PDB file of N, CA and C in Angstrom:
ATOM      1  N   MET A   1      14.829  85.470  69.638  1.00  0.00           N
ATOM      2  CA  MET A   1      16.085  85.017  70.216  1.00  0.00           C
ATOM      3  C   MET A   1      15.857  84.751  71.704  1.00  0.00           C
ATOM      4  N   ALA A   2      16.371  83.653  72.189  1.00  0.00           N
ATOM      5  CA  ALA A   2      16.243  83.288  73.601  1.00  0.00           C
ATOM      6  C   ALA A   2      17.448  83.803  74.366  1.00  0.00           C
ATOM      7  N   LYS A   3      17.271  83.986  75.669  1.00  0.00           N
ATOM      8  CA  LYS A   3      18.419  84.349  76.503  1.00  0.00           C
ATOM      9  C   LYS A   3      18.352  83.590  77.808  1.00  0.00           C
ATOM     10  N   ILE A   4      19.481  83.484  78.472  1.00  0.00           N
ATOM     11  CA  ILE A   4      19.582  82.754  79.734  1.00  0.00           C
ATOM     12  C   ILE A   4      19.178  83.686  80.864  1.00  0.00           C
ATOM     13  N   SER A   5      18.241  83.218  81.716  1.00  0.00           N
ATOM     14  CA  SER A   5      17.767  84.033  82.833  1.00  0.00           C
ATOM     15  C   SER A   5      18.759  83.965  83.991  1.00  0.00           C
ATOM     16  N   THR A   6      18.501  84.763  85.011  1.00  0.00           N
ATOM     17  CA  THR A   6      19.360  84.746  86.195  1.00  0.00           C
ATOM     18  C   THR A   6      19.269  83.410  86.938  1.00  0.00           C
ATOM     19  N   LYS A   7      18.212  82.616  86.651  1.00  0.00           N
ATOM     20  CA  LYS A   7      18.068  81.277  87.247  1.00  0.00           C
ATOM     21  C   LYS A   7      18.658  80.202  86.338  1.00  0.00           C
ATOM     22  N   HIS A   8      19.396  80.621  85.292  1.00  0.00           N
ATOM     23  CA  HIS A   8      20.014  79.709  84.327  1.00  0.00           C
ATOM     24  C   HIS A   8      18.978  78.923  83.527  1.00  0.00           C
ATOM     25  N   GLN A   9      17.842  79.540  83.248  1.00  0.00           N
ATOM     26  CA  GLN A   9      16.790  78.895  82.474  1.00  0.00           C
ATOM     27  C   GLN A   9      16.713  79.541  81.093  1.00  0.00           C
ATOM     28  N   VAL A  10      16.334  78.721  80.106  1.00  0.00           N
ATOM     29  CA  VAL A  10      16.176  79.197  78.741  1.00  0.00           C
ATOM     30  C   VAL A  10      14.816  78.736  78.235  1.00  0.00           C
ATOM     31  N   THR A  11      14.073  79.630  77.612  1.00  0.00           N
ATOM     32  CA  THR A  11      12.824  79.258  76.965  1.00  0.00           C
ATOM     33  C   THR A  11      13.154  78.914  75.527  1.00  0.00           C
ATOM     34  N   VAL A  12      12.843  77.685  75.141  1.00  0.00           N
ATOM     35  CA  VAL A  12      13.143  77.219  73.790  1.00  0.00           C
ATOM     36  C   VAL A  12      11.968  77.582  72.886  1.00  0.00           C
ATOM     37  N   PRO A  13      12.232  78.205  71.747  1.00  0.00           N
ATOM     38  CA  PRO A  13      11.142  78.576  70.838  1.00  0.00           C
ATOM     39  C   PRO A  13      10.314  77.364  70.404  1.00  0.00           C
ATOM     40  N   VAL A  14       9.001  77.545  70.324  1.00  0.00           N
ATOM     41  CA  VAL A  14       8.080  76.472  69.965  1.00  0.00           C
ATOM     42  C   VAL A  14       8.429  75.874  68.608  1.00  0.00           C
ATOM     43  N   ALA A  15       8.811  76.694  67.659  1.00  0.00           N
ATOM     44  CA  ALA A  15       9.136  76.197  66.320  1.00  0.00           C
ATOM     45  C   ALA A  15      10.300  75.206  66.377  1.00  0.00           C
ATOM     46  N   ALA A  16      11.298  75.488  67.195  1.00  0.00           N
ATOM     47  CA  ALA A  16      12.443  74.585  67.330  1.00  0.00           C
ATOM     48  C   ALA A  16      12.015  73.273  67.975  1.00  0.00           C
ATOM     49  N   LEU A  17      11.149  73.354  68.994  1.00  0.00           N
ATOM     50  CA  LEU A  17      10.657  72.140  69.644  1.00  0.00           C
ATOM     51  C   LEU A  17       9.824  71.301  68.677  1.00  0.00           C
ATOM     52  N   ASP A  18       8.959  71.967  67.923  1.00  0.00           N
ATOM     53  CA  ASP A  18       8.132  71.255  66.941  1.00  0.00           C
ATOM     54  C   ASP A  18       9.004  70.542  65.918  1.00  0.00           C
ATOM     55  N   GLU A  19       9.999  71.232  65.414  1.00  0.00           N
ATOM     56  CA  GLU A  19      10.883  70.644  64.402  1.00  0.00           C
ATOM     57  C   GLU A  19      11.643  69.443  64.959  1.00  0.00           C
ATOM     58  N   ALA A  20      11.988  69.503  66.245  1.00  0.00           N
ATOM     59  CA  ALA A  20      12.714  68.405  66.886  1.00  0.00           C
ATOM     60  C   ALA A  20      11.782  67.298  67.371  1.00  0.00           C
ATOM     61  N   GLY A  21      10.476  67.544  67.321  1.00  0.00           N
ATOM     62  CA  GLY A  21       9.521  66.540  67.789  1.00  0.00           C
ATOM     63  C   GLY A  21       9.438  66.464  69.301  1.00  0.00           C
ATOM     64  N   LEU A  22       9.795  67.546  69.978  1.00  0.00           N
ATOM     65  CA  LEU A  22       9.735  67.596  71.446  1.00  0.00           C
ATOM     66  C   LEU A  22       8.505  68.377  71.877  1.00  0.00           C
ATOM     67  N   GLN A  23       7.974  68.007  73.049  1.00  0.00           N
ATOM     68  CA  GLN A  23       6.808  68.722  73.562  1.00  0.00           C
ATOM     69  C   GLN A  23       6.881  68.837  75.075  1.00  0.00           C
ATOM     70  N   ALA A  24       6.019  69.664  75.616  1.00  0.00           N
ATOM     71  CA  ALA A  24       5.991  69.893  77.061  1.00  0.00           C
ATOM     72  C   ALA A  24       5.851  68.567  77.786  1.00  0.00           C
ATOM     73  N   GLY A  25       6.633  68.376  78.827  1.00  0.00           N
ATOM     74  CA  GLY A  25       6.591  67.166  79.624  1.00  0.00           C
ATOM     75  C   GLY A  25       7.620  66.120  79.227  1.00  0.00           C
ATOM     76  N   ASP A  26       8.217  66.253  78.033  1.00  0.00           N
ATOM     77  CA  ASP A  26       9.254  65.298  77.624  1.00  0.00           C
ATOM     78  C   ASP A  26      10.457  65.437  78.545  1.00  0.00           C
ATOM     79  N   GLN A  27      11.063  64.306  78.867  1.00  0.00           N
ATOM     80  CA  GLN A  27      12.315  64.347  79.624  1.00  0.00           C
ATOM     81  C   GLN A  27      13.448  64.479  78.622  1.00  0.00           C
ATOM     82  N   VAL A  28      14.362  65.400  78.894  1.00  0.00           N
ATOM     83  CA  VAL A  28      15.453  65.669  77.980  1.00  0.00           C
ATOM     84  C   VAL A  28      16.789  65.612  78.695  1.00  0.00           C
ATOM     85  N   VAL A  29      17.837  65.435  77.910  1.00  0.00           N
ATOM     86  CA  VAL A  29      19.207  65.475  78.388  1.00  0.00           C
ATOM     87  C   VAL A  29      19.844  66.711  77.761  1.00  0.00           C
ATOM     88  N   VAL A  30      20.556  67.483  78.565  1.00  0.00           N
ATOM     89  CA  VAL A  30      21.262  68.659  78.066  1.00  0.00           C
ATOM     90  C   VAL A  30      22.747  68.358  78.145  1.00  0.00           C
ATOM     91  N   GLU A  31      23.423  68.441  76.998  1.00  0.00           N
ATOM     92  CA  GLU A  31      24.838  68.102  76.920  1.00  0.00           C
ATOM     93  C   GLU A  31      25.638  69.310  76.449  1.00  0.00           C
ATOM     94  N   ALA A  32      26.761  69.572  77.098  1.00  0.00           N
ATOM     95  CA  ALA A  32      27.682  70.612  76.634  1.00  0.00           C
ATOM     96  C   ALA A  32      28.524  70.018  75.518  1.00  0.00           C
ATOM     97  N   LEU A  33      28.547  70.713  74.368  1.00  0.00           N
ATOM     98  CA  LEU A  33      29.310  70.223  73.219  1.00  0.00           C
ATOM     99  C   LEU A  33      30.633  70.958  73.059  1.00  0.00           C
ATOM    100  N   GLY A  34      30.775  72.027  73.722  1.00  0.00           N
ATOM    101  CA  GLY A  34      31.997  72.822  73.597  1.00  0.00           C
ATOM    102  C   GLY A  34      31.684  74.269  73.913  1.00  0.00           C
ATOM    103  N   GLU A  35      32.636  75.127  73.663  1.00  0.00           N
ATOM    104  CA  GLU A  35      32.494  76.552  73.961  1.00  0.00           C
ATOM    105  C   GLU A  35      31.259  77.135  73.275  1.00  0.00           C
ATOM    106  N   GLY A  36      30.290  77.561  74.084  1.00  0.00           N
ATOM    107  CA  GLY A  36      29.119  78.249  73.563  1.00  0.00           C
ATOM    108  C   GLY A  36      28.084  77.374  72.887  1.00  0.00           C
ATOM    109  N   GLU A  37      28.151  76.053  73.049  1.00  0.00           N
ATOM    110  CA  GLU A  37      27.207  75.187  72.364  1.00  0.00           C
ATOM    111  C   GLU A  37      26.705  74.075  73.282  1.00  0.00           C
ATOM    112  N   VAL A  38      25.375  73.890  73.304  1.00  0.00           N
ATOM    113  CA  VAL A  38      24.758  72.793  74.052  1.00  0.00           C
ATOM    114  C   VAL A  38      23.785  72.069  73.134  1.00  0.00           C
ATOM    115  N   ARG A  39      23.500  70.823  73.483  1.00  0.00           N
ATOM    116  CA  ARG A  39      22.529  70.031  72.735  1.00  0.00           C
ATOM    117  C   ARG A  39      21.448  69.594  73.708  1.00  0.00           C
ATOM    118  N   ILE A  40      20.198  69.693  73.267  1.00  0.00           N
ATOM    119  CA  ILE A  40      19.049  69.201  74.033  1.00  0.00           C
ATOM    120  C   ILE A  40      18.475  68.046  73.235  1.00  0.00           C
ATOM    121  N   ARG A  41      18.363  66.883  73.851  1.00  0.00           N
ATOM    122  CA  ARG A  41      17.794  65.731  73.159  1.00  0.00           C
ATOM    123  C   ARG A  41      16.865  64.970  74.095  1.00  0.00           C
ATOM    124  N   ARG A  42      15.945  64.255  73.479  1.00  0.00           N
ATOM    125  CA  ARG A  42      15.002  63.446  74.252  1.00  0.00           C
ATOM    126  C   ARG A  42      15.785  62.398  75.031  1.00  0.00           C
ATOM    127  N   SER A  43      15.411  62.182  76.256  1.00  0.00           N
ATOM    128  CA  SER A  43      16.045  61.174  77.102  1.00  0.00           C
ATOM    129  C   SER A  43      15.614  59.798  76.626  1.00  0.00           C
ATOM    130  N   ALA A  44      16.570  58.894  76.517  1.00  0.00           N
ATOM    131  CA  ALA A  44      16.258  57.525  76.124  1.00  0.00           C
ATOM    132  C   ALA A  44      15.643  56.793  77.306  1.00  0.00           C
ATOM    133  N   MET A  45      14.573  56.065  77.048  1.00  0.00           N
ATOM    134  CA  MET A  45      13.920  55.288  78.098  1.00  0.00           C
ATOM    135  C   MET A  45      14.581  53.918  78.141  1.00  0.00           C
ATOM    136  N   SER A  46      15.147  53.591  79.259  1.00  0.00           N
ATOM    137  CA  SER A  46      15.744  52.277  79.426  1.00  0.00           C
ATOM    138  C   SER A  46      14.868  51.449  80.356  1.00  0.00           C
ATOM    139  N   PHE A  47      15.070  50.152  80.344  1.00  0.00           N
ATOM    140  CA  PHE A  47      14.306  49.280  81.227  1.00  0.00           C
ATOM    141  C   PHE A  47      14.529  49.687  82.675  1.00  0.00           C
ATOM    142  N   GLU A  48      15.794  49.981  82.994  1.00  0.00           N
ATOM    143  CA  GLU A  48      16.131  50.344  84.380  1.00  0.00           C
ATOM    144  C   GLU A  48      15.398  51.610  84.822  1.00  0.00           C
ATOM    145  N   SER A  49      15.285  52.593  83.921  1.00  0.00           N
ATOM    146  CA  SER A  49      14.616  53.841  84.307  1.00  0.00           C
ATOM    147  C   SER A  49      13.100  53.666  84.347  1.00  0.00           C
ATOM    148  N   ALA A  50      12.559  52.738  83.557  1.00  0.00           N
ATOM    149  CA  ALA A  50      11.114  52.523  83.526  1.00  0.00           C
ATOM    150  C   ALA A  50      10.644  51.570  84.617  1.00  0.00           C
ATOM    151  N   PHE A  51      11.534  50.694  85.090  1.00  0.00           N
ATOM    152  CA  PHE A  51      11.153  49.694  86.078  1.00  0.00           C
ATOM    153  C   PHE A  51      10.621  50.376  87.336  1.00  0.00           C
ATOM    154  N   GLY A  52       9.439  50.026  87.725  1.00  0.00           N
ATOM    155  CA  GLY A  52       8.844  50.601  88.927  1.00  0.00           C
ATOM    156  C   GLY A  52       8.103  51.905  88.688  1.00  0.00           C
ATOM    157  N   ALA A  53       8.038  52.346  87.431  1.00  0.00           N
ATOM    158  CA  ALA A  53       7.381  53.623  87.141  1.00  0.00           C
ATOM    159  C   ALA A  53       5.905  53.604  87.512  1.00  0.00           C
ATOM    160  N   LEU A  54       5.283  52.439  87.485  1.00  0.00           N
ATOM    161  CA  LEU A  54       3.854  52.338  87.790  1.00  0.00           C
ATOM    162  C   LEU A  54       3.581  51.843  89.205  1.00  0.00           C
ATOM    163  N   THR A  55       4.625  51.760  90.016  1.00  0.00           N
ATOM    164  CA  THR A  55       4.451  51.326  91.395  1.00  0.00           C
ATOM    165  C   THR A  55       3.439  52.238  92.089  1.00  0.00           C
ATOM    166  N   GLY A  56       2.467  51.634  92.718  1.00  0.00           N
ATOM    167  CA  GLY A  56       1.443  52.405  93.416  1.00  0.00           C
ATOM    168  C   GLY A  56       0.243  52.760  92.554  1.00  0.00           C
ATOM    169  N   SER A  57       0.262  52.360  91.277  1.00  0.00           N
ATOM    170  CA  SER A  57      -0.856  52.680  90.386  1.00  0.00           C
ATOM    171  C   SER A  57      -2.092  51.839  90.686  1.00  0.00           C
ATOM    172  N   TYR A  58      -1.883  50.653  91.224  1.00  0.00           N
ATOM    173  CA  TYR A  58      -2.989  49.748  91.536  1.00  0.00           C
ATOM    174  C   TYR A  58      -3.037  49.522  93.039  1.00  0.00           C
ATOM    175  N   PRO A  59      -4.246  49.279  93.574  1.00  0.00           N
ATOM    176  CA  PRO A  59      -4.335  48.998  95.009  1.00  0.00           C
ATOM    177  C   PRO A  59      -3.604  47.696  95.346  1.00  0.00           C
ATOM    178  N   PRO A  60      -3.134  47.563  96.569  1.00  0.00           N
ATOM    179  CA  PRO A  60      -2.424  46.342  96.974  1.00  0.00           C
ATOM    180  C   PRO A  60      -3.256  45.093  96.679  1.00  0.00           C
ATOM    181  N   GLY A  61      -2.625  44.095  96.076  1.00  0.00           N
ATOM    182  CA  GLY A  61      -3.281  42.823  95.803  1.00  0.00           C
ATOM    183  C   GLY A  61      -4.068  42.771  94.504  1.00  0.00           C
ATOM    184  N   TYR A  62      -4.253  43.899  93.841  1.00  0.00           N
ATOM    185  CA  TYR A  62      -5.082  43.950  92.631  1.00  0.00           C
ATOM    186  C   TYR A  62      -4.527  43.056  91.516  1.00  0.00           C
ATOM    187  N   LEU A  63      -3.246  43.178  91.236  1.00  0.00           N
ATOM    188  CA  LEU A  63      -2.655  42.388  90.156  1.00  0.00           C
ATOM    189  C   LEU A  63      -2.647  40.902  90.485  1.00  0.00           C
ATOM    190  N   GLN A  64      -2.467  40.568  91.753  1.00  0.00           N
ATOM    191  CA  GLN A  64      -2.518  39.166  92.160  1.00  0.00           C
ATOM    192  C   GLN A  64      -3.937  38.607  91.954  1.00  0.00           C
ATOM    193  N   ARG A  65      -4.955  39.416  92.239  1.00  0.00           N
ATOM    194  CA  ARG A  65      -6.341  38.978  92.018  1.00  0.00           C
ATOM    195  C   ARG A  65      -6.589  38.733  90.532  1.00  0.00           C
ATOM    196  N   LEU A  66      -6.065  39.610  89.672  1.00  0.00           N
ATOM    197  CA  LEU A  66      -6.219  39.405  88.238  1.00  0.00           C
ATOM    198  C   LEU A  66      -5.543  38.111  87.797  1.00  0.00           C
ATOM    199  N   ASP A  67      -4.344  37.867  88.322  1.00  0.00           N
ATOM    200  CA  ASP A  67      -3.637  36.628  87.988  1.00  0.00           C
ATOM    201  C   ASP A  67      -4.438  35.403  88.423  1.00  0.00           C
ATOM    202  N   ALA A  68      -5.028  35.474  89.622  1.00  0.00           N
ATOM    203  CA  ALA A  68      -5.831  34.364  90.134  1.00  0.00           C
ATOM    204  C   ALA A  68      -7.048  34.140  89.255  1.00  0.00           C
ATOM    205  N   GLU A  69      -7.701  35.211  88.800  1.00  0.00           N
ATOM    206  CA  GLU A  69      -8.848  35.074  87.911  1.00  0.00           C
ATOM    207  C   GLU A  69      -8.453  34.423  86.591  1.00  0.00           C
ATOM    208  N   ASP A  70      -7.290  34.801  86.068  1.00  0.00           N
ATOM    209  CA  ASP A  70      -6.794  34.193  84.833  1.00  0.00           C
ATOM    210  C   ASP A  70      -6.558  32.697  85.037  1.00  0.00           C
ATOM    211  N   ASP A  71      -5.987  32.327  86.174  1.00  0.00           N
ATOM    212  CA  ASP A  71      -5.702  30.922  86.464  1.00  0.00           C
ATOM    213  C   ASP A  71      -6.992  30.098  86.537  1.00  0.00           C
ATOM    214  N   GLU A  72      -8.080  30.727  87.006  1.00  0.00           N
ATOM    215  CA  GLU A  72      -9.362  30.024  87.136  1.00  0.00           C
ATOM    216  C   GLU A  72     -10.000  29.748  85.776  1.00  0.00           C
ATOM    217  N   ARG A  73      -9.677  30.524  84.774  1.00  0.00           N
ATOM    218  CA  ARG A  73     -10.296  30.368  83.443  1.00  0.00           C
ATOM    219  C   ARG A  73      -9.763  29.213  82.696  1.00  0.00           C
TER     220      ARG A  73
END
C-alpha cells in the first residue's frame, strides 16, 4: 500500500505501472476525479509541446549544410 509523504509525493507500485504501460521518465498528467480519487495518465504529445524539443541538438548551421548537400545531388 502506498501513502502520501509530507512532500505530497506517492510511490506508485511497479506492478500498477507495468499494467498501465508506464515507465520511469514518462510524462504524466494527474487529475482529481472527486473525493479521494485521482487518475494518473500518460501525457499526450501534441505538435505544440514537441515543437522545438530538439532545439540545440545540432551545431549552428548543421541542418542548413545538410540541405545544401541535398540540393547539390
